[in-house]
Amino acid sequence: MAITGAHVLINTSEPEALRAVFRDVFGMDHVDAGGGWLIFNLPPAELGVHPSGGQTDHALSFMCDDIDETMAELKAKGITFLHEPTNAGFGIETMMELPGGVTVQLYQPRHPTAI
């Protein structure tokens, strides 16, 4: 058996607007799977497994090399952040608010990465 990739799903009440952010703001390459269903090529990824503490949801985080620079670029393109960057131990993090009430973490890792 060979795992050849991962597919991430984000549910939103504003799919067209969120697709536009990934395409136009983040500049992600994509293919059209038909009918405007865009499938985006993600940057290299890693998977962390955390103790649940009763949670059963999952999280998507985007990593960057310089959180201040990345936030400035994204703010200039209309992305809203929920708070200023904070030291979370594993890295410096903040949360982005995307169309349809989707929140995604942006962080500058301070831990060894697998990519």
Foldseek 3Di string as FASTA:
>chain_A
DDDDDDADDDDFPDVVQQVCCVCPQVVFDWDQPPPRPTGTDDDDDDDDDDDQPPPDDDAAAAEDQDVVVVVVSNVVVPWDWPDDWDCPPQFTKTWIQGHRRDIHMYTHGPDDDPD
